[in-house]
Amino acid sequence: MDDQSIHQRITELVEQEKQLRQALQDGELSGEEEHARLRRAEQSLDQLWDLLRQRQALREAGKDPDEASERPVGEVETYQQ
């Protein structure tokens, strides 16, 4: 996945988050369902941001950014901010 595709997917997930919050507010979605779906979207966003950081680090090291790979949610979620 190239940088443009990653950014496009991030934009889609941010829009999905907005739609989920609106659906909850409109009573179209239970709080539990909204929470579960938001959590999945947030996890995917974390993975995508991590992938972008990996690609940038590889570029800066003079390597091929396509060597970057999506890491598992459990690994990305445990990073210290």
Protein backbone atom coordinates (compact mmCIF):
# COMPACT_ATOMS: atom_id res chain seq x y z
CA MET A 1 0.00 0.00 0.00
CA ASP A 2 1.50 3.37 -0.99
CA ASP A 3 1.29 6.61 1.00
CA GLN A 4 -1.62 7.96 -1.04
CA SER A 5 -3.67 4.80 -0.47
CA ILE A 6 -2.89 4.89 3.24
CA HIS A 7 -3.97 8.54 3.50
CA GLN A 8 -7.16 7.76 1.57
CA ARG A 9 -7.99 4.90 3.94
CA ILE A 10 -7.31 7.16 6.96
CA THR A 11 -9.72 9.75 5.54
CA GLU A 12 -12.36 7.04 5.07
CA LEU A 13 -11.98 5.81 8.64
CA VAL A 14 -12.22 9.32 10.07
CA GLU A 15 -15.43 9.81 8.10
CA GLN A 16 -16.69 6.46 9.39
CA GLU A 17 -16.06 7.62 12.96
CA LYS A 18 -18.13 10.76 12.32
CA GLN A 19 -20.95 8.70 10.83
CA LEU A 20 -20.95 6.30 13.78
CA ARG A 21 -21.19 9.16 16.28
CA GLN A 22 -24.03 10.70 14.28
CA ALA A 23 -25.85 7.35 14.07
CA LEU A 24 -25.64 7.02 17.86
CA GLN A 25 -26.93 10.56 18.31
CA ASP A 26 -29.81 9.85 15.90
CA GLY A 27 -30.72 6.69 17.81
CA GLU A 28 -29.86 4.45 14.86
CA LEU A 29 -27.15 2.61 16.80
CA SER A 30 -26.82 1.36 20.36
CA GLY A 31 -24.03 2.68 22.54
CA GLU A 32 -22.48 -0.80 22.64
CA GLU A 33 -22.47 -1.17 18.87
CA GLU A 34 -21.09 2.34 18.38
CA HIS A 35 -18.34 1.69 20.91
CA ALA A 36 -17.33 -1.63 19.32
CA ARG A 37 -17.28 -0.21 15.81
CA LEU A 38 -15.39 2.91 16.90
CA ARG A 39 -12.81 0.73 18.62
CA ARG A 40 -12.22 -1.25 15.42
CA ALA A 41 -11.90 1.97 13.40
CA GLU A 42 -9.44 3.41 15.95
CA GLN A 43 -7.35 0.26 15.85
CA SER A 44 -7.22 0.39 12.06
CA LEU A 45 -6.22 4.05 12.21
CA ASP A 46 -3.41 3.25 14.64
CA GLN A 47 -2.13 0.56 12.28
CA LEU A 48 -2.24 2.90 9.29
CA TRP A 49 -0.43 5.72 11.09
CA ASP A 50 2.20 3.21 12.20
CA LEU A 51 2.59 2.02 8.62
CA LEU A 52 3.12 5.60 7.44
CA ARG A 53 5.77 6.14 10.13
CA GLN A 54 7.53 2.93 9.09
CA ARG A 55 7.51 4.01 5.44
CA GLN A 56 8.96 7.42 6.35
CA ALA A 57 11.68 5.88 8.52
CA LEU A 58 12.68 3.54 5.70
CA ARG A 59 12.80 6.43 3.24
CA GLU A 60 14.98 8.45 5.61
CA ALA A 61 17.32 5.45 5.97
CA GLY A 62 17.64 5.23 2.18
CA LYS A 63 15.63 2.03 1.99
CA ASP A 64 12.53 1.00 0.06
CA PRO A 65 9.37 2.18 1.88
CA ASP A 66 7.52 -0.78 0.39
CA GLU A 67 9.43 -2.97 2.85
CA ALA A 68 7.14 -1.61 5.60
CA SER A 69 4.36 -3.89 6.71
CA GLU A 70 1.20 -3.52 8.75
CA ARG A 71 1.83 -4.65 12.30
CA PRO A 72 -0.74 -6.49 14.42
CA VAL A 73 -3.15 -4.40 16.50
CA GLY A 74 -1.74 -5.83 19.74
CA GLU A 75 1.72 -4.61 18.86
CA VAL A 76 0.67 -1.15 17.70
CA GLU A 77 -1.71 -0.60 20.62
CA THR A 78 1.03 -1.17 23.20
CA TYR A 79 3.35 1.58 21.92
CA GLN A 80 4.13 4.38 24.33
CA GLN A 81 3.10 7.82 23.11
